[in-house]
């Protein structure tokens, strides 16, 4: 039984393998950086490398592999790349702004007191 791995030519297998190694390495660097960095603001930078560079390299490798194995141009992965490229920086920017807002509120003493949970009247009694 033939698999797509058997039919891929050498000219496509070499860049696919290289791009997969590069993508995995960039993702690993992002994960290690996320674990090693201390504060939230330092940690926010590490995953951007893994999602942008790592996903980009793996996406290009996938496009080359499936284009070579099916002998037609496969560009479905571009949609994934566009969504990742657009959503990742926006998400991290919103997280950083929310954390900065929280930290500034704590420094100024403007943190609202925690509200106790509202008590609901027991069944059968009127309030």
N, C-alpha and C. Protein backbone atom coordinates (compact mmCIF):
# COMPACT_ATOMS: atom_id res chain seq x y z
N UNK A 1 0.84 -1.16 0.00
CA UNK A 1 0.00 0.00 0.00
C UNK A 1 0.90 1.24 0.00
N UNK A 2 0.59 2.17 -0.84
CA UNK A 2 1.40 3.37 -1.00
C UNK A 2 0.88 4.49 -0.10
N UNK A 3 1.78 5.19 0.56
CA UNK A 3 1.43 6.33 1.39
C UNK A 3 1.97 7.60 0.74
N UNK A 4 1.49 8.76 1.15
CA UNK A 4 2.02 10.01 0.58
C UNK A 4 3.51 10.19 0.86
N UNK A 5 4.01 9.55 1.92
CA UNK A 5 5.43 9.67 2.25
C UNK A 5 6.30 8.96 1.23
N UNK A 6 5.78 7.92 0.60
CA UNK A 6 6.54 7.18 -0.40
C UNK A 6 6.67 7.94 -1.71
N UNK A 7 5.68 8.74 -2.03
CA UNK A 7 5.66 9.38 -3.34
C UNK A 7 6.25 10.79 -3.35
N UNK A 8 6.71 11.30 -2.23
CA UNK A 8 7.25 12.66 -2.21
C UNK A 8 8.68 12.64 -2.77
N UNK A 9 8.98 13.53 -3.71
CA UNK A 9 10.32 13.56 -4.30
C UNK A 9 11.35 14.15 -3.32
N UNK A 10 12.60 13.86 -3.59
CA UNK A 10 13.68 14.30 -2.71
C UNK A 10 13.77 15.82 -2.67
N UNK A 11 13.51 16.49 -3.81
CA UNK A 11 13.60 17.96 -3.83
C UNK A 11 12.57 18.60 -2.91
N UNK A 12 11.49 17.90 -2.58
CA UNK A 12 10.48 18.42 -1.67
C UNK A 12 10.71 17.92 -0.24
N UNK A 13 11.27 16.73 -0.10
CA UNK A 13 11.47 16.14 1.23
C UNK A 13 12.50 16.91 2.04
N UNK A 14 13.53 17.41 1.38
CA UNK A 14 14.59 18.12 2.11
C UNK A 14 14.07 19.43 2.70
N UNK A 15 13.42 20.31 1.92
CA UNK A 15 12.91 21.53 2.56
C UNK A 15 11.81 21.26 3.58
N UNK A 16 11.00 20.24 3.35
CA UNK A 16 9.95 19.90 4.32
C UNK A 16 10.57 19.50 5.65
N UNK A 17 11.56 18.64 5.59
CA UNK A 17 12.24 18.21 6.82
C UNK A 17 12.93 19.36 7.52
N UNK A 18 13.60 20.22 6.75
CA UNK A 18 14.28 21.37 7.35
C UNK A 18 13.31 22.35 7.99
N UNK A 19 12.22 22.63 7.29
CA UNK A 19 11.24 23.56 7.83
C UNK A 19 10.55 23.00 9.07
N UNK A 20 10.30 21.69 9.10
CA UNK A 20 9.71 21.09 10.29
C UNK A 20 10.65 21.18 11.49
N UNK A 21 11.94 20.97 11.25
CA UNK A 21 12.92 21.07 12.34
C UNK A 21 13.00 22.52 12.83
N UNK A 22 13.05 23.47 11.91
CA UNK A 22 13.11 24.88 12.29
C UNK A 22 11.84 25.28 13.06
N UNK A 23 10.67 24.87 12.55
CA UNK A 23 9.42 25.20 13.23
C UNK A 23 9.34 24.59 14.62
N UNK A 24 9.77 23.34 14.76
CA UNK A 24 9.76 22.70 16.07
C UNK A 24 10.74 23.38 17.02
N UNK A 25 11.90 23.78 16.50
CA UNK A 25 12.90 24.46 17.33
C UNK A 25 12.38 25.81 17.82
N UNK A 26 11.76 26.58 16.94
CA UNK A 26 11.23 27.88 17.34
C UNK A 26 10.10 27.72 18.36
N UNK A 27 9.27 26.71 18.17
CA UNK A 27 8.21 26.46 19.14
C UNK A 27 8.79 26.04 20.48
N UNK A 28 9.85 25.22 20.47
CA UNK A 28 10.50 24.81 21.71
C UNK A 28 11.12 26.01 22.42
N UNK A 29 11.76 26.91 21.67
CA UNK A 29 12.34 28.11 22.28
C UNK A 29 11.24 28.94 22.95
N UNK A 30 10.10 29.08 22.28
CA UNK A 30 8.99 29.83 22.86
C UNK A 30 8.48 29.19 24.15
N UNK A 31 8.38 27.86 24.17
CA UNK A 31 7.90 27.16 25.36
C UNK A 31 8.90 27.26 26.51
N UNK A 32 10.19 27.10 26.21
CA UNK A 32 11.21 27.21 27.26
C UNK A 32 11.26 28.63 27.80
N UNK A 33 11.17 29.61 26.91
CA UNK A 33 11.15 31.00 27.35
C UNK A 33 9.96 31.29 28.23
N UNK A 34 8.82 30.71 27.90
CA UNK A 34 7.62 30.90 28.71
C UNK A 34 7.83 30.34 30.12
N UNK A 35 8.53 29.23 30.23
CA UNK A 35 8.77 28.63 31.54
C UNK A 35 9.84 29.36 32.34
N UNK A 36 10.86 29.86 31.66
CA UNK A 36 12.01 30.43 32.36
C UNK A 36 11.86 31.88 32.76
N UNK A 37 11.11 32.64 32.00
CA UNK A 37 11.00 34.07 32.31
C UNK A 37 10.13 34.27 33.54
N UNK A 38 10.45 35.33 34.29
CA UNK A 38 9.85 35.48 35.61
C UNK A 38 8.51 36.18 35.68
N UNK A 39 8.39 37.36 35.12
CA UNK A 39 7.18 38.13 35.30
C UNK A 39 6.23 37.94 34.12
N UNK A 40 5.01 38.40 34.32
CA UNK A 40 4.01 38.28 33.26
C UNK A 40 4.44 39.04 32.02
N UNK A 41 4.99 40.22 32.20
CA UNK A 41 5.37 41.06 31.06
C UNK A 41 6.54 40.46 30.29
N UNK A 42 7.42 39.75 30.96
CA UNK A 42 8.50 39.05 30.26
C UNK A 42 7.96 37.82 29.54
N UNK A 43 7.06 37.12 30.18
CA UNK A 43 6.50 35.89 29.60
C UNK A 43 5.63 36.14 28.38
N UNK A 44 5.11 37.32 28.23
CA UNK A 44 4.20 37.59 27.12
C UNK A 44 4.93 37.57 25.78
N UNK A 45 6.25 37.76 25.79
CA UNK A 45 7.02 37.81 24.54
C UNK A 45 7.38 36.43 24.01
N UNK A 46 7.60 35.48 24.88
CA UNK A 46 8.09 34.16 24.45
C UNK A 46 7.13 33.40 23.54
N UNK A 47 5.85 33.31 23.84
CA UNK A 47 4.96 32.54 22.96
C UNK A 47 4.78 33.15 21.57
N UNK A 48 5.04 34.44 21.42
CA UNK A 48 4.88 35.05 20.09
C UNK A 48 5.88 34.46 19.12
N UNK A 49 7.07 34.13 19.58
CA UNK A 49 8.07 33.51 18.71
C UNK A 49 7.59 32.14 18.25
N UNK A 50 7.06 31.36 19.19
CA UNK A 50 6.60 30.03 18.84
C UNK A 50 5.40 30.04 17.92
N UNK A 51 4.46 30.94 18.17
CA UNK A 51 3.27 30.93 17.33
C UNK A 51 3.54 31.54 15.97
N UNK A 52 4.31 32.59 15.90
CA UNK A 52 4.53 33.24 14.61
C UNK A 52 5.56 32.48 13.77
N UNK A 53 6.76 32.34 14.28
CA UNK A 53 7.81 31.69 13.52
C UNK A 53 7.62 30.19 13.38
N UNK A 54 7.27 29.53 14.48
CA UNK A 54 7.10 28.08 14.45
C UNK A 54 5.94 27.64 13.59
N UNK A 55 4.81 28.28 13.75
CA UNK A 55 3.65 27.93 12.93
C UNK A 55 3.90 28.27 11.47
N UNK A 56 4.59 29.38 11.22
CA UNK A 56 4.90 29.75 9.84
C UNK A 56 5.75 28.71 9.13
N UNK A 57 6.79 28.24 9.79
CA UNK A 57 7.66 27.23 9.18
C UNK A 57 6.93 25.91 8.98
N UNK A 58 6.15 25.50 9.96
CA UNK A 58 5.41 24.24 9.84
C UNK A 58 4.33 24.36 8.77
N UNK A 59 3.72 25.52 8.66
CA UNK A 59 2.70 25.74 7.64
C UNK A 59 3.30 25.66 6.23
N UNK A 60 4.45 26.28 6.02
CA UNK A 60 5.10 26.22 4.71
C UNK A 60 5.54 24.79 4.38
N UNK A 61 6.03 24.06 5.40
CA UNK A 61 6.40 22.67 5.18
C UNK A 61 5.19 21.84 4.77
N UNK A 62 4.05 22.08 5.40
CA UNK A 62 2.83 21.36 5.05
C UNK A 62 2.38 21.68 3.63
N UNK A 63 2.49 22.95 3.25
CA UNK A 63 2.10 23.33 1.89
C UNK A 63 2.99 22.65 0.85
N UNK A 64 4.29 22.61 1.10
CA UNK A 64 5.21 21.95 0.16
C UNK A 64 4.92 20.47 0.10
N UNK A 65 4.74 19.83 1.25
CA UNK A 65 4.52 18.39 1.28
C UNK A 65 3.26 17.99 0.52
N UNK A 66 2.14 18.64 0.84
CA UNK A 66 0.89 18.23 0.20
C UNK A 66 0.82 18.67 -1.26
N UNK A 67 1.48 19.76 -1.61
CA UNK A 67 1.53 20.14 -3.02
C UNK A 67 2.34 19.13 -3.83
N UNK A 68 3.44 18.65 -3.25
CA UNK A 68 4.27 17.68 -3.96
C UNK A 68 3.61 16.30 -4.00
N UNK A 69 2.94 15.91 -2.92
CA UNK A 69 2.36 14.57 -2.89
C UNK A 69 1.08 14.47 -3.72
N UNK A 70 0.31 15.55 -3.85
CA UNK A 70 -0.91 15.50 -4.65
C UNK A 70 -0.71 16.04 -6.07
N UNK A 71 0.47 16.59 -6.31
CA UNK A 71 0.81 17.18 -7.61
C UNK A 71 -0.15 18.29 -8.02
N UNK A 72 -0.63 19.03 -7.05
CA UNK A 72 -1.44 20.22 -7.30
C UNK A 72 -1.12 21.23 -6.20
N UNK A 73 -1.38 22.48 -6.48
CA UNK A 73 -1.05 23.53 -5.52
C UNK A 73 -2.04 23.50 -4.35
N UNK A 74 -1.50 23.37 -3.15
CA UNK A 74 -2.31 23.34 -1.92
C UNK A 74 -1.97 24.59 -1.13
N UNK A 75 -2.96 25.44 -0.94
CA UNK A 75 -2.73 26.70 -0.21
C UNK A 75 -3.71 26.89 0.95
N UNK A 76 -4.36 25.82 1.38
CA UNK A 76 -5.32 25.93 2.48
C UNK A 76 -4.65 26.43 3.76
N UNK A 77 -3.40 26.09 3.92
CA UNK A 77 -2.68 26.46 5.14
C UNK A 77 -2.49 27.97 5.26
N UNK A 78 -2.55 28.68 4.14
CA UNK A 78 -2.41 30.13 4.20
C UNK A 78 -3.49 30.77 5.05
N UNK A 79 -4.68 30.21 5.02
CA UNK A 79 -5.77 30.72 5.85
C UNK A 79 -5.44 30.57 7.33
N UNK A 80 -4.89 29.44 7.70
CA UNK A 80 -4.47 29.22 9.08
C UNK A 80 -3.39 30.23 9.46
N UNK A 81 -2.42 30.41 8.58
CA UNK A 81 -1.35 31.37 8.85
C UNK A 81 -1.85 32.78 9.01
N UNK A 82 -2.81 33.18 8.20
CA UNK A 82 -3.37 34.52 8.32
C UNK A 82 -4.08 34.70 9.66
N UNK A 83 -4.89 33.71 10.04
CA UNK A 83 -5.59 33.82 11.31
C UNK A 83 -4.64 33.85 12.50
N UNK A 84 -3.61 33.02 12.48
CA UNK A 84 -2.64 33.01 13.57
C UNK A 84 -1.87 34.32 13.62
N UNK A 85 -1.47 34.82 12.45
CA UNK A 85 -0.70 36.06 12.40
C UNK A 85 -1.52 37.25 12.87
N UNK A 86 -2.80 37.26 12.60
CA UNK A 86 -3.65 38.38 13.00
C UNK A 86 -4.07 38.27 14.47
N UNK A 87 -4.45 37.09 14.92
CA UNK A 87 -5.02 36.96 16.25
C UNK A 87 -3.99 36.93 17.37
N UNK A 88 -2.81 36.38 17.15
CA UNK A 88 -1.84 36.26 18.23
C UNK A 88 -1.37 37.61 18.76
N UNK A 89 -0.91 38.53 17.93
CA UNK A 89 -0.48 39.82 18.50
C UNK A 89 -1.62 40.60 19.15
N UNK A 90 -2.80 40.51 18.59
CA UNK A 90 -3.94 41.23 19.18
C UNK A 90 -4.27 40.65 20.55
N UNK A 91 -4.26 39.34 20.67
CA UNK A 91 -4.55 38.70 21.95
C UNK A 91 -3.51 39.08 23.00
N UNK A 92 -2.24 39.03 22.65
CA UNK A 92 -1.20 39.36 23.61
C UNK A 92 -1.23 40.85 23.97
N UNK A 93 -1.58 41.70 23.03
CA UNK A 93 -1.69 43.13 23.32
C UNK A 93 -2.83 43.38 24.32
N UNK A 94 -3.96 42.72 24.12
CA UNK A 94 -5.08 42.88 25.05
C UNK A 94 -4.75 42.35 26.43
N UNK A 95 -4.05 41.22 26.50
CA UNK A 95 -3.63 40.68 27.80
C UNK A 95 -2.68 41.64 28.51
N UNK A 96 -1.73 42.20 27.76
CA UNK A 96 -0.77 43.13 28.37
C UNK A 96 -1.47 44.40 28.85
N UNK A 97 -2.41 44.91 28.08
CA UNK A 97 -3.14 46.11 28.50
C UNK A 97 -3.98 45.85 29.75
N UNK A 98 -4.61 44.69 29.81
CA UNK A 98 -5.41 44.36 30.99
C UNK A 98 -4.53 44.22 32.22
N UNK A 99 -3.37 43.59 32.07
CA UNK A 99 -2.45 43.45 33.20
C UNK A 99 -1.90 44.81 33.63
N UNK A 100 -1.58 45.66 32.67
CA UNK A 100 -1.08 46.99 33.00
C UNK A 100 -2.15 47.82 33.72
N UNK A 101 -3.37 47.72 33.26
CA UNK A 101 -4.48 48.43 33.92
C UNK A 101 -4.65 47.94 35.36
N UNK A 102 -4.59 46.63 35.55
CA UNK A 102 -4.72 46.06 36.89
C UNK A 102 -3.57 46.51 37.79
N UNK A 103 -2.34 46.49 37.26
CA UNK A 103 -1.20 46.89 38.08
C UNK A 103 -1.25 48.36 38.46
N UNK A 104 -1.67 49.21 37.53
CA UNK A 104 -1.78 50.64 37.84
C UNK A 104 -2.87 50.89 38.88
N UNK A 105 -3.96 50.17 38.78
CA UNK A 105 -5.05 50.33 39.76
C UNK A 105 -4.59 49.89 41.14
N UNK A 106 -3.81 48.84 41.22
CA UNK A 106 -3.30 48.38 42.52
C UNK A 106 -2.31 49.37 43.10
N UNK A 107 -1.48 50.00 42.27
CA UNK A 107 -0.51 50.98 42.75
C UNK A 107 -1.20 52.23 43.28
N UNK A 108 -2.27 52.64 42.65
CA UNK A 108 -2.98 53.84 43.06
C UNK A 108 -3.98 53.59 44.18
N UNK A 109 -4.18 52.36 44.53
CA UNK A 109 -5.15 52.03 45.57
C UNK A 109 -6.58 52.13 45.10
N UNK A 110 -6.81 52.06 43.82
CA UNK A 110 -8.15 52.17 43.26
C UNK A 110 -8.80 50.82 43.01
N UNK A 111 -8.36 49.83 43.72
CA UNK A 111 -8.94 48.51 43.51
C UNK A 111 -10.27 48.46 44.26
N UNK A 112 -11.35 48.20 43.57
CA UNK A 112 -12.64 48.14 44.26
C UNK A 112 -12.67 46.95 45.22
N UNK A 113 -13.33 47.13 46.37
CA UNK A 113 -13.42 46.00 47.31
C UNK A 113 -14.24 44.87 46.72
N UNK A 114 -13.88 43.69 47.14
CA UNK A 114 -14.63 42.53 46.65
C UNK A 114 -16.02 42.52 47.27
N UNK A 115 -17.00 42.31 46.44
CA UNK A 115 -18.38 42.27 46.90
C UNK A 115 -18.71 40.87 47.40
N UNK A 116 -19.36 40.77 48.55
CA UNK A 116 -19.78 39.44 48.99
C UNK A 116 -20.87 38.93 48.05
N UNK A 117 -20.97 37.64 47.90
CA UNK A 117 -22.01 37.11 47.02
C UNK A 117 -23.39 37.47 47.54
N UNK A 118 -24.25 37.79 46.61
CA UNK A 118 -25.61 38.15 47.01
C UNK A 118 -26.34 36.92 47.54
N UNK A 119 -27.06 37.16 48.63
CA UNK A 119 -27.82 36.05 49.20
C UNK A 119 -29.19 36.02 48.55
N UNK A 120 -29.61 34.86 48.18
CA UNK A 120 -30.94 34.71 47.60
C UNK A 120 -31.89 34.28 48.70
N UNK A 121 -33.09 34.81 48.70
CA UNK A 121 -34.04 34.42 49.76
C UNK A 121 -34.39 32.93 49.61
N UNK A 122 -34.60 32.32 50.76
CA UNK A 122 -34.95 30.90 50.75
C UNK A 122 -36.33 30.73 50.12
N UNK A 123 -36.55 29.57 49.59
CA UNK A 123 -37.84 29.31 48.94
C UNK A 123 -38.96 29.35 49.96
N UNK A 124 -40.06 29.95 49.57
CA UNK A 124 -41.22 29.99 50.43
C UNK A 124 -41.27 31.23 51.32
N UNK A 125 -40.18 31.96 51.44
CA UNK A 125 -40.17 33.18 52.24
C UNK A 125 -40.17 34.39 51.33
N UNK A 126 -40.78 35.42 51.80
CA UNK A 126 -40.76 36.66 51.03
C UNK A 126 -39.64 37.53 51.60
N UNK A 127 -39.01 38.33 50.76
CA UNK A 127 -37.87 39.13 51.24
C UNK A 127 -38.25 40.26 52.11
